[in-house]
Amino acid sequence: MEIGGISNYILDKKCPNCGGQTRISLNDIIEQRIIICPTCHTEVRPVNAEEIAKQAKQKIELLTKEVQALLQNIKLEVYES
């Protein structure tokens, strides 16, 4: 799995202006997009988005490798009905 596989992961964050719920995707963070708060219509963007996205990508890649290693240990047995 690559980061593109979860780029649409949605985070619910509070608007720093009004405290209302604002939805932002992982892809929005990676692309450093400005988000419009649906409550107060203020333009907001993630702080230090590049570093956050870099750390998220590293963790996702590590977890993906761990899951792949676990799946390699799956054993199959013959099932007769």
Protein backbone atom coordinates (compact mmCIF):
# COMPACT_ATOMS: atom_id res chain seq x y z
CA MET A 1 0.00 0.00 0.00
CA GLU A 2 1.30 3.41 -0.84
CA ILE A 3 0.36 6.78 0.60
CA GLY A 4 -1.94 7.31 -2.39
CA GLY A 5 -4.08 4.48 -1.06
CA ILE A 6 -5.10 6.47 2.01
CA SER A 7 -4.76 10.01 0.74
CA ASN A 8 -8.51 10.47 1.16
CA TYR A 9 -8.36 9.69 4.89
CA ILE A 10 -10.46 12.40 6.59
CA LEU A 11 -9.60 14.17 9.83
CA ASP A 12 -12.10 16.20 11.83
CA LYS A 13 -10.35 19.23 13.29
CA LYS A 14 -11.58 22.34 15.09
CA CYS A 15 -11.37 25.64 13.26
CA PRO A 16 -8.83 27.89 15.03
CA ASN A 17 -11.14 30.86 14.45
CA CYS A 18 -14.59 29.68 15.53
CA GLY A 19 -14.02 26.20 16.99
CA GLY A 20 -16.40 24.61 14.48
CA GLN A 21 -15.68 21.18 12.98
CA THR A 22 -13.60 21.31 9.82
CA ARG A 23 -12.90 18.24 7.71
CA ILE A 24 -9.49 17.90 6.11
CA SER A 25 -8.07 14.99 4.14
CA LEU A 26 -4.55 13.63 4.34
CA ASN A 27 -4.17 14.70 0.72
CA ASP A 28 -5.13 18.28 1.68
CA ILE A 29 -2.29 18.23 4.21
CA ILE A 30 0.19 16.78 1.73
CA GLU A 31 -0.78 19.33 -0.94
CA GLN A 32 -0.78 22.13 1.68
CA ARG A 33 -4.21 23.24 0.54
CA ILE A 34 -6.10 26.06 2.16
CA ILE A 35 -9.33 24.78 3.71
CA ILE A 36 -12.47 26.90 4.09
CA CYS A 37 -14.22 26.47 7.44
CA PRO A 38 -17.85 25.52 6.73
CA THR A 39 -19.02 27.47 9.81
CA CYS A 40 -17.24 30.83 9.65
CA HIS A 41 -15.78 30.61 6.12
CA THR A 42 -12.28 31.45 7.36
CA GLU A 43 -9.38 30.17 5.28
CA VAL A 44 -7.25 27.78 7.36
CA ARG A 45 -4.32 25.53 6.55
CA PRO A 46 -2.24 23.00 8.44
CA VAL A 47 0.83 24.33 10.25
CA ASN A 48 4.06 22.54 9.35
CA ALA A 49 2.13 20.43 6.85
CA GLU A 50 5.20 19.19 5.01
CA GLU A 51 6.76 17.68 8.14
CA ILE A 52 3.44 16.19 9.30
CA ALA A 53 2.89 14.58 5.89
CA LYS A 54 6.47 13.25 5.84
CA GLN A 55 6.08 11.66 9.29
CA ALA A 56 2.68 10.20 8.37
CA LYS A 57 4.10 8.68 5.19
CA GLN A 58 7.03 7.12 7.10
CA LYS A 59 4.71 5.60 9.70
CA ILE A 60 2.33 4.28 7.05
CA GLU A 61 5.19 2.65 5.15
CA LEU A 62 6.49 1.04 8.36
CA LEU A 63 3.04 -0.28 9.31
CA THR A 64 2.50 -1.57 5.77
CA LYS A 65 5.73 -3.58 6.00
CA GLU A 66 4.68 -4.98 9.39
CA VAL A 67 1.28 -6.04 8.06
CA GLN A 68 2.87 -7.66 5.00
CA ALA A 69 5.22 -9.60 7.28
CA LEU A 70 2.27 -10.80 9.37
CA LEU A 71 0.36 -11.89 6.28
CA GLN A 72 3.32 -13.95 5.07
CA ASN A 73 2.91 -16.13 8.16
CA ILE A 74 -0.66 -17.14 7.34
CA LYS A 75 -0.91 -20.90 7.02
CA LEU A 76 -3.52 -22.70 4.99
CA GLU A 77 -4.99 -26.09 5.66
CA VAL A 78 -7.09 -28.39 3.56
CA TYR A 79 -10.78 -28.28 4.37
CA GLU A 80 -12.88 -31.26 3.43
CA SER A 81 -16.62 -31.15 3.73
